[in-house]
């Protein structure tokens, strides 16, 4: 785990699919979203990510609720299966972790302990931004995957 940092994340237009199920479903749902984008002729406008709709302190990683998101150009139209919305700009505390996706949930405990130590106030659900991820065909070495975990926090005074 790299050293955590504070940064600002700008407003993002995203296409997303909401899902309830295990953390391991994220890849499958991401492939559905990516297939929708290709079919609709939508060029991604950034790195894919997941927004968790439950607190990681309370989440059951086998039955969690999450949205798999893909940044898209403003004005992109959704479909019956894919919602398009705008996420507000926010400050986040973030950390980059490397390795297989199955190891990500364990990093939350360590990162949340650090956030508590910093006495930061979490203001929204966490995101996982997939910096180095499998290719569209599922190829890639899981040991090289890089994921940025972000927690929205109250802006510093």
N, C-alpha and C. Protein backbone atom coordinates (compact mmCIF):
# COMPACT_ATOMS: atom_id res chain seq x y z
N UNK A 1 0.85 -1.17 0.00
CA UNK A 1 0.00 0.00 0.00
C UNK A 1 0.89 1.24 0.00
N UNK A 2 0.64 2.14 -0.95
CA UNK A 2 1.41 3.39 -1.00
C UNK A 2 0.94 4.33 0.11
N UNK A 3 1.67 5.42 0.30
CA UNK A 3 1.29 6.41 1.31
C UNK A 3 -0.03 7.07 0.92
N UNK A 4 -0.99 7.15 1.84
CA UNK A 4 -2.25 7.83 1.54
C UNK A 4 -2.02 9.32 1.26
N UNK A 5 -2.92 9.91 0.48
CA UNK A 5 -2.83 11.33 0.16
C UNK A 5 -4.22 11.94 0.09
N UNK A 6 -4.28 13.24 0.25
CA UNK A 6 -5.52 14.01 0.08
C UNK A 6 -5.45 14.68 -1.29
N UNK A 7 -6.59 14.67 -2.02
CA UNK A 7 -6.64 15.34 -3.31
C UNK A 7 -8.08 15.69 -3.64
N UNK A 8 -8.25 16.51 -4.66
CA UNK A 8 -9.58 16.89 -5.13
C UNK A 8 -9.90 16.10 -6.39
N UNK A 9 -11.13 15.64 -6.47
CA UNK A 9 -11.63 14.92 -7.65
C UNK A 9 -12.72 15.81 -8.25
N UNK A 10 -12.60 16.11 -9.53
CA UNK A 10 -13.55 17.00 -10.19
C UNK A 10 -14.88 16.33 -10.47
N UNK A 11 -15.81 17.12 -10.94
CA UNK A 11 -17.12 16.63 -11.35
C UNK A 11 -16.94 15.62 -12.48
N UNK A 12 -17.70 14.53 -12.44
CA UNK A 12 -17.57 13.48 -13.45
C UNK A 12 -18.93 13.07 -13.99
N UNK A 13 -19.08 13.04 -15.31
CA UNK A 13 -20.23 12.40 -15.94
C UNK A 13 -19.87 10.92 -16.06
N UNK A 14 -20.77 10.04 -15.60
CA UNK A 14 -20.48 8.61 -15.61
C UNK A 14 -21.67 7.81 -16.11
N UNK A 15 -21.36 6.73 -16.80
CA UNK A 15 -22.35 5.70 -17.09
C UNK A 15 -22.14 4.64 -16.02
N UNK A 16 -23.23 4.10 -15.48
CA UNK A 16 -23.06 3.13 -14.40
C UNK A 16 -24.15 2.07 -14.40
N UNK A 17 -23.78 0.93 -13.84
CA UNK A 17 -24.70 -0.17 -13.63
C UNK A 17 -24.67 -0.49 -12.14
N UNK A 18 -25.84 -0.44 -11.49
CA UNK A 18 -25.91 -0.82 -10.08
C UNK A 18 -26.07 -2.33 -9.98
N UNK A 19 -25.43 -2.90 -8.95
CA UNK A 19 -25.44 -4.36 -8.77
C UNK A 19 -25.39 -4.71 -7.30
N UNK A 20 -26.00 -5.81 -6.93
CA UNK A 20 -25.87 -6.36 -5.58
C UNK A 20 -25.27 -7.75 -5.74
N UNK A 21 -24.17 -8.00 -5.02
CA UNK A 21 -23.53 -9.30 -5.11
C UNK A 21 -22.12 -9.23 -4.57
N UNK A 22 -21.35 -10.27 -4.77
CA UNK A 22 -19.99 -10.30 -4.23
C UNK A 22 -19.05 -9.33 -4.95
N UNK A 23 -18.02 -8.92 -4.22
CA UNK A 23 -16.99 -8.04 -4.76
C UNK A 23 -16.42 -8.64 -6.05
N UNK A 24 -16.36 -9.94 -6.12
CA UNK A 24 -15.80 -10.61 -7.31
C UNK A 24 -16.66 -10.43 -8.56
N UNK A 25 -17.90 -9.93 -8.43
CA UNK A 25 -18.76 -9.68 -9.60
C UNK A 25 -18.38 -8.40 -10.35
N UNK A 26 -17.57 -7.55 -9.73
CA UNK A 26 -17.27 -6.25 -10.32
C UNK A 26 -16.71 -6.41 -11.73
N UNK A 27 -15.80 -7.33 -11.96
CA UNK A 27 -15.22 -7.53 -13.29
C UNK A 27 -16.27 -7.87 -14.33
N UNK A 28 -17.18 -8.76 -13.99
CA UNK A 28 -18.24 -9.15 -14.92
C UNK A 28 -19.14 -7.95 -15.25
N UNK A 29 -19.52 -7.18 -14.22
CA UNK A 29 -20.39 -6.02 -14.45
C UNK A 29 -19.65 -4.96 -15.27
N UNK A 30 -18.35 -4.78 -14.98
CA UNK A 30 -17.56 -3.84 -15.77
C UNK A 30 -17.55 -4.25 -17.25
N UNK A 31 -17.42 -5.53 -17.54
CA UNK A 31 -17.42 -5.98 -18.94
C UNK A 31 -18.77 -5.71 -19.60
N UNK A 32 -19.88 -5.84 -18.84
CA UNK A 32 -21.20 -5.49 -19.37
C UNK A 32 -21.26 -4.00 -19.71
N UNK A 33 -20.73 -3.17 -18.81
CA UNK A 33 -20.73 -1.73 -19.04
C UNK A 33 -19.85 -1.35 -20.23
N UNK A 34 -18.68 -1.97 -20.32
CA UNK A 34 -17.78 -1.69 -21.43
C UNK A 34 -18.41 -2.13 -22.76
N UNK A 35 -19.12 -3.27 -22.75
CA UNK A 35 -19.79 -3.74 -23.97
C UNK A 35 -20.89 -2.74 -24.37
N UNK A 36 -21.63 -2.20 -23.40
CA UNK A 36 -22.64 -1.19 -23.70
C UNK A 36 -21.98 0.03 -24.36
N UNK A 37 -20.86 0.49 -23.80
CA UNK A 37 -20.17 1.66 -24.33
C UNK A 37 -19.73 1.43 -25.78
N UNK A 38 -19.15 0.25 -26.05
CA UNK A 38 -18.72 -0.05 -27.43
C UNK A 38 -19.92 -0.04 -28.37
N UNK A 39 -21.01 -0.72 -27.96
CA UNK A 39 -22.20 -0.80 -28.81
C UNK A 39 -22.81 0.58 -29.05
N UNK A 40 -22.79 1.44 -28.02
CA UNK A 40 -23.38 2.78 -28.13
C UNK A 40 -22.41 3.79 -28.77
N UNK A 41 -21.17 3.35 -29.05
CA UNK A 41 -20.19 4.25 -29.64
C UNK A 41 -19.69 5.31 -28.67
N UNK A 42 -19.70 4.98 -27.38
CA UNK A 42 -19.27 5.92 -26.35
C UNK A 42 -17.81 5.64 -26.00
N UNK A 43 -16.98 6.65 -26.14
CA UNK A 43 -15.56 6.53 -25.80
C UNK A 43 -15.38 6.89 -24.33
N UNK A 44 -14.80 5.98 -23.52
CA UNK A 44 -14.58 6.30 -22.10
C UNK A 44 -13.76 7.59 -21.96
N UNK A 45 -14.10 8.38 -20.92
CA UNK A 45 -13.43 9.66 -20.68
C UNK A 45 -12.56 9.60 -19.43
N UNK A 46 -12.17 8.39 -19.03
CA UNK A 46 -11.35 8.24 -17.84
C UNK A 46 -11.30 6.79 -17.39
N UNK A 47 -10.67 6.57 -16.24
CA UNK A 47 -10.51 5.22 -15.70
C UNK A 47 -11.82 4.71 -15.11
N UNK A 48 -12.13 3.42 -15.30
CA UNK A 48 -13.32 2.85 -14.70
C UNK A 48 -13.17 2.80 -13.18
N UNK A 49 -14.31 2.83 -12.48
CA UNK A 49 -14.26 2.74 -11.02
C UNK A 49 -15.58 2.17 -10.49
N UNK A 50 -15.57 1.82 -9.23
CA UNK A 50 -16.74 1.31 -8.54
C UNK A 50 -17.04 2.21 -7.37
N UNK A 51 -18.31 2.53 -7.17
CA UNK A 51 -18.77 3.26 -5.99
C UNK A 51 -19.53 2.25 -5.14
N UNK A 52 -19.13 2.11 -3.90
CA UNK A 52 -19.81 1.20 -2.98
C UNK A 52 -20.94 1.94 -2.30
N UNK A 53 -22.11 1.33 -2.26
CA UNK A 53 -23.30 1.99 -1.74
C UNK A 53 -23.58 1.62 -0.29
N UNK A 54 -22.61 0.99 0.35
CA UNK A 54 -22.67 0.66 1.77
C UNK A 54 -21.32 1.01 2.38
N UNK A 55 -21.33 1.30 3.66
CA UNK A 55 -20.08 1.58 4.35
C UNK A 55 -19.22 0.33 4.38
N UNK A 56 -17.92 0.46 4.10
CA UNK A 56 -17.05 -0.72 4.18
C UNK A 56 -16.98 -1.30 5.60
N UNK A 57 -17.27 -0.47 6.60
CA UNK A 57 -17.28 -0.95 7.98
C UNK A 57 -18.45 -1.90 8.22
N UNK A 58 -19.49 -1.78 7.37
CA UNK A 58 -20.70 -2.58 7.55
C UNK A 58 -20.95 -3.54 6.38
N UNK A 59 -20.18 -3.43 5.33
CA UNK A 59 -20.46 -4.19 4.13
C UNK A 59 -20.12 -5.67 4.28
N UNK A 60 -21.02 -6.47 3.76
CA UNK A 60 -20.77 -7.89 3.59
C UNK A 60 -20.21 -8.02 2.18
N UNK A 61 -18.93 -8.34 2.05
CA UNK A 61 -18.27 -8.36 0.74
C UNK A 61 -18.86 -9.41 -0.19
N UNK A 62 -19.72 -10.29 0.34
CA UNK A 62 -20.36 -11.31 -0.49
C UNK A 62 -21.70 -10.84 -1.05
N UNK A 63 -22.32 -9.81 -0.44
CA UNK A 63 -23.65 -9.38 -0.88
C UNK A 63 -23.77 -7.86 -0.97
N UNK A 64 -22.68 -7.17 -1.17
CA UNK A 64 -22.69 -5.70 -1.16
C UNK A 64 -23.44 -5.09 -2.32
N UNK A 65 -23.77 -3.80 -2.17
CA UNK A 65 -24.38 -3.02 -3.24
C UNK A 65 -23.32 -2.07 -3.79
N UNK A 66 -23.21 -2.02 -5.10
CA UNK A 66 -22.22 -1.13 -5.71
C UNK A 66 -22.66 -0.71 -7.10
N UNK A 67 -22.04 0.37 -7.59
CA UNK A 67 -22.23 0.82 -8.95
C UNK A 67 -20.88 0.74 -9.66
N UNK A 68 -20.86 0.08 -10.79
CA UNK A 68 -19.67 0.06 -11.64
C UNK A 68 -19.83 1.23 -12.61
N UNK A 69 -18.82 2.11 -12.63
CA UNK A 69 -18.93 3.38 -13.37
C UNK A 69 -17.83 3.52 -14.42
N UNK A 70 -18.18 4.21 -15.47
CA UNK A 70 -17.24 4.53 -16.53
C UNK A 70 -17.42 6.00 -16.87
N UNK A 71 -16.39 6.83 -16.67
CA UNK A 71 -16.51 8.23 -17.06
C UNK A 71 -16.81 8.33 -18.56
N UNK A 72 -17.77 9.21 -18.88
CA UNK A 72 -18.21 9.38 -20.27
C UNK A 72 -18.29 10.87 -20.59
N UNK A 73 -18.33 11.23 -21.87
CA UNK A 73 -18.48 12.64 -22.22
C UNK A 73 -19.83 13.19 -21.72
N UNK A 74 -19.84 14.47 -21.35
CA UNK A 74 -21.10 15.14 -20.97
C UNK A 74 -22.11 14.95 -22.10
N UNK A 75 -23.37 14.76 -21.75
CA UNK A 75 -24.42 14.63 -22.76
C UNK A 75 -24.65 13.21 -23.24
N UNK A 76 -23.87 12.25 -22.76
CA UNK A 76 -24.07 10.85 -23.15
C UNK A 76 -25.43 10.38 -22.64
N UNK A 77 -26.16 9.67 -23.48
CA UNK A 77 -27.47 9.14 -23.10
C UNK A 77 -27.30 7.73 -22.56
N UNK A 78 -28.07 7.40 -21.53
CA UNK A 78 -28.07 6.06 -20.96
C UNK A 78 -29.00 5.14 -21.73
N UNK A 79 -29.35 4.03 -21.09
CA UNK A 79 -30.27 3.05 -21.68
C UNK A 79 -31.08 2.43 -20.55
N UNK A 80 -31.86 1.42 -20.88
CA UNK A 80 -32.64 0.74 -19.84
C UNK A 80 -31.75 0.14 -18.77
N UNK A 81 -30.58 -0.36 -19.16
CA UNK A 81 -29.69 -1.06 -18.23
C UNK A 81 -28.57 -0.19 -17.67
N UNK A 82 -28.33 0.95 -18.30
CA UNK A 82 -27.19 1.79 -17.92
C UNK A 82 -27.68 3.21 -17.62
N UNK A 83 -27.43 3.65 -16.39
CA UNK A 83 -27.77 5.02 -16.00
C UNK A 83 -26.59 5.94 -16.31
N UNK A 84 -26.88 7.17 -16.67
CA UNK A 84 -25.84 8.19 -16.84
C UNK A 84 -26.18 9.32 -15.88
N UNK A 85 -25.19 9.73 -15.09
CA UNK A 85 -25.40 10.79 -14.11
C UNK A 85 -24.11 11.55 -13.90
N UNK A 86 -24.20 12.63 -13.14
CA UNK A 86 -23.03 13.44 -12.85
C UNK A 86 -22.71 13.32 -11.37
N UNK A 87 -21.46 12.97 -11.06
CA UNK A 87 -21.00 12.91 -9.68
C UNK A 87 -20.36 14.25 -9.33
N UNK A 88 -20.71 14.76 -8.17
CA UNK A 88 -20.19 16.06 -7.73
C UNK A 88 -18.70 15.98 -7.43
N UNK A 89 -18.04 17.12 -7.58
CA UNK A 89 -16.63 17.23 -7.20
C UNK A 89 -16.52 17.01 -5.69
N UNK A 90 -15.40 16.46 -5.24
CA UNK A 90 -15.21 16.20 -3.82
C UNK A 90 -13.73 16.11 -3.49
N UNK A 91 -13.40 16.33 -2.24
CA UNK A 91 -12.06 16.02 -1.73
C UNK A 91 -12.07 14.56 -1.30
N UNK A 92 -10.96 13.87 -1.50
CA UNK A 92 -10.86 12.47 -1.09
C UNK A 92 -9.53 12.23 -0.38
N UNK A 93 -9.55 11.24 0.48
CA UNK A 93 -8.31 10.63 0.94
C UNK A 93 -8.17 9.38 0.10
N UNK A 94 -7.00 9.16 -0.46
CA UNK A 94 -6.83 8.02 -1.36
C UNK A 94 -5.55 7.28 -1.07
N UNK A 95 -5.56 6.03 -1.47
CA UNK A 95 -4.38 5.19 -1.36
C UNK A 95 -4.38 4.24 -2.56
N UNK A 96 -3.20 3.96 -3.10
CA UNK A 96 -3.07 3.03 -4.22
C UNK A 96 -2.53 1.71 -3.69
N UNK A 97 -3.21 0.63 -4.07
CA UNK A 97 -2.79 -0.71 -3.68
C UNK A 97 -2.50 -1.51 -4.94
N UNK A 98 -1.65 -2.48 -4.81
CA UNK A 98 -1.26 -3.31 -5.95
C UNK A 98 -1.55 -4.76 -5.64
N UNK A 99 -2.05 -5.48 -6.63
CA UNK A 99 -2.28 -6.92 -6.47
C UNK A 99 -3.67 -7.33 -6.92
N UNK A 100 -3.96 -8.62 -6.75
CA UNK A 100 -5.24 -9.17 -7.20
C UNK A 100 -6.42 -8.49 -6.52
N UNK A 101 -7.52 -8.40 -7.24
CA UNK A 101 -8.72 -7.77 -6.70
C UNK A 101 -9.23 -8.47 -5.44
N UNK A 102 -9.02 -9.75 -5.34
CA UNK A 102 -9.48 -10.49 -4.16
C UNK A 102 -8.82 -10.02 -2.87
N UNK A 103 -7.70 -9.32 -2.97
CA UNK A 103 -7.01 -8.81 -1.79
C UNK A 103 -7.46 -7.40 -1.39
N UNK A 104 -8.23 -6.73 -2.23
CA UNK A 104 -8.61 -5.35 -1.96
C UNK A 104 -9.40 -5.19 -0.66
N UNK A 105 -10.40 -6.02 -0.37
CA UNK A 105 -11.15 -5.80 0.87
C UNK A 105 -10.26 -5.72 2.12
N UNK A 106 -9.19 -6.46 2.17
CA UNK A 106 -8.30 -6.42 3.34
C UNK A 106 -7.63 -5.05 3.49
N UNK A 107 -7.42 -4.35 2.39
CA UNK A 107 -6.78 -3.02 2.46
C UNK A 107 -7.69 -1.98 3.10
N UNK A 108 -9.00 -2.20 3.04
CA UNK A 108 -9.93 -1.24 3.63
C UNK A 108 -9.72 -1.09 5.13
N UNK A 109 -9.50 -2.18 5.84
CA UNK A 109 -9.30 -2.10 7.30
C UNK A 109 -8.11 -1.22 7.64
N UNK A 110 -7.00 -1.46 6.94
CA UNK A 110 -5.79 -0.67 7.20
C UNK A 110 -6.00 0.81 6.85
N UNK A 111 -6.63 1.07 5.72
CA UNK A 111 -6.85 2.45 5.29
C UNK A 111 -7.83 3.17 6.21
N UNK A 112 -8.91 2.48 6.62
CA UNK A 112 -9.87 3.10 7.53
C UNK A 112 -9.23 3.41 8.88
N UNK A 113 -8.33 2.56 9.35
CA UNK A 113 -7.62 2.85 10.60
C UNK A 113 -6.78 4.11 10.44
N UNK A 114 -6.13 4.27 9.30
CA UNK A 114 -5.33 5.47 9.03
C UNK A 114 -6.24 6.71 8.98
N UNK A 115 -7.40 6.59 8.32
CA UNK A 115 -8.34 7.71 8.24
C UNK A 115 -8.81 8.10 9.65
N UNK A 116 -9.12 7.12 10.48
CA UNK A 116 -9.52 7.40 11.86
C UNK A 116 -8.41 8.12 12.61
N UNK A 117 -7.18 7.67 12.43
CA UNK A 117 -6.03 8.29 13.09
C UNK A 117 -5.87 9.75 12.67
N UNK A 118 -6.19 10.04 11.41
CA UNK A 118 -6.10 11.41 10.89
C UNK A 118 -7.27 12.27 11.37
N UNK A 119 -8.26 11.64 12.01
CA UNK A 119 -9.46 12.32 12.51
C UNK A 119 -10.22 12.99 11.36
N UNK A 120 -10.22 12.35 10.20
CA UNK A 120 -10.93 12.86 9.03
C UNK A 120 -12.39 12.43 9.09
N UNK A 121 -13.26 13.25 8.50
CA UNK A 121 -14.69 12.94 8.46
C UNK A 121 -15.04 12.44 7.05
N UNK A 122 -15.41 11.17 6.95
CA UNK A 122 -15.81 10.59 5.67
C UNK A 122 -17.21 11.12 5.35
N UNK A 123 -17.41 11.61 4.12
CA UNK A 123 -18.67 12.25 3.75
C UNK A 123 -19.47 11.49 2.70
N UNK A 124 -18.98 10.34 2.26
CA UNK A 124 -19.71 9.61 1.23
C UNK A 124 -19.13 8.23 1.03
N UNK A 125 -19.72 7.48 0.11
CA UNK A 125 -19.27 6.11 -0.12
C UNK A 125 -17.90 6.06 -0.80
N UNK A 126 -17.14 5.01 -0.52
CA UNK A 126 -15.82 4.87 -1.13
C UNK A 126 -15.90 4.49 -2.60
N UNK A 127 -14.81 4.78 -3.30
CA UNK A 127 -14.64 4.40 -4.71
C UNK A 127 -13.38 3.57 -4.84
N UNK A 128 -13.41 2.67 -5.80
CA UNK A 128 -12.20 1.96 -6.23
C UNK A 128 -11.97 2.35 -7.69
N UNK A 129 -10.85 3.01 -7.96
CA UNK A 129 -10.51 3.42 -9.32
C UNK A 129 -9.48 2.43 -9.83
N UNK A 130 -9.75 1.84 -10.99
CA UNK A 130 -8.91 0.77 -11.53
C UNK A 130 -7.87 1.38 -12.48
N UNK A 131 -6.67 1.59 -11.96
CA UNK A 131 -5.59 2.24 -12.69
C UNK A 131 -4.91 1.29 -13.67
N UNK A 132 -4.61 0.09 -13.23
CA UNK A 132 -4.08 -0.98 -14.08
C UNK A 132 -5.00 -2.16 -13.85
N UNK A 133 -5.68 -2.58 -14.89
CA UNK A 133 -6.73 -3.59 -14.75
C UNK A 133 -6.67 -4.56 -15.93
N UNK A 134 -7.45 -5.65 -15.86
CA UNK A 134 -7.43 -6.61 -16.97
C UNK A 134 -7.89 -5.95 -18.27
N UNK A 135 -7.41 -6.48 -19.36
CA UNK A 135 -7.86 -6.02 -20.67
C UNK A 135 -9.30 -6.46 -20.90
N UNK A 136 -9.93 -5.97 -21.98
CA UNK A 136 -11.31 -6.32 -22.28
C UNK A 136 -11.55 -7.83 -22.39
N UNK A 137 -10.50 -8.57 -22.72
CA UNK A 137 -10.62 -10.02 -22.83
C UNK A 137 -10.28 -10.74 -21.52
N UNK A 138 -10.07 -9.95 -20.45
CA UNK A 138 -9.75 -10.55 -19.14
C UNK A 138 -8.27 -10.83 -18.95
N UNK A 139 -7.44 -10.46 -19.92
CA UNK A 139 -6.01 -10.74 -19.82
C UNK A 139 -5.35 -9.80 -18.83
N UNK A 140 -4.19 -10.20 -18.35
CA UNK A 140 -3.42 -9.37 -17.43
C UNK A 140 -2.96 -10.16 -16.24
N UNK A 141 -1.88 -9.73 -15.66
CA UNK A 141 -1.32 -10.39 -14.49
C UNK A 141 -1.89 -9.73 -13.24
N UNK A 142 -2.72 -10.43 -12.45
CA UNK A 142 -3.33 -9.83 -11.26
C UNK A 142 -2.31 -9.24 -10.29
N UNK A 143 -1.10 -9.73 -10.28
CA UNK A 143 -0.08 -9.18 -9.37
C UNK A 143 0.28 -7.74 -9.74
N UNK A 144 0.00 -7.34 -10.99
CA UNK A 144 0.35 -5.99 -11.42
C UNK A 144 -0.83 -5.02 -11.39
N UNK A 145 -2.02 -5.50 -11.03
CA UNK A 145 -3.19 -4.61 -10.99
C UNK A 145 -2.96 -3.53 -9.94
N UNK A 146 -3.33 -2.29 -10.28
CA UNK A 146 -3.20 -1.16 -9.35
C UNK A 146 -4.58 -0.52 -9.20
N UNK A 147 -5.00 -0.38 -7.95
CA UNK A 147 -6.32 0.15 -7.63
C UNK A 147 -6.17 1.28 -6.63
N UNK A 148 -6.83 2.40 -6.91
CA UNK A 148 -6.84 3.52 -5.98
C UNK A 148 -8.15 3.49 -5.19
N UNK A 149 -8.05 3.35 -3.88
CA UNK A 149 -9.21 3.41 -3.00
C UNK A 149 -9.37 4.86 -2.57
N UNK A 150 -10.57 5.42 -2.75
CA UNK A 150 -10.83 6.82 -2.39
C UNK A 150 -12.00 6.89 -1.41
N UNK A 151 -11.83 7.71 -0.38
CA UNK A 151 -12.92 8.04 0.52
C UNK A 151 -13.18 9.54 0.45
N UNK A 152 -14.39 9.96 0.06
CA UNK A 152 -14.71 11.38 0.11
C UNK A 152 -14.64 11.86 1.56
N UNK A 153 -14.06 13.03 1.75
CA UNK A 153 -13.90 13.59 3.10
C UNK A 153 -14.25 15.07 3.09
N UNK A 154 -14.51 15.59 4.28
CA UNK A 154 -14.79 17.02 4.42
C UNK A 154 -13.54 17.79 4.00
N UNK A 155 -13.76 18.87 3.26
CA UNK A 155 -12.65 19.70 2.81
C UNK A 155 -11.92 20.30 4.01
N UNK A 156 -10.62 20.45 3.87
CA UNK A 156 -9.83 21.08 4.94
C UNK A 156 -10.18 22.56 5.03
N UNK A 157 -10.21 23.06 6.26
CA UNK A 157 -10.56 24.47 6.47
C UNK A 157 -9.40 25.37 6.09
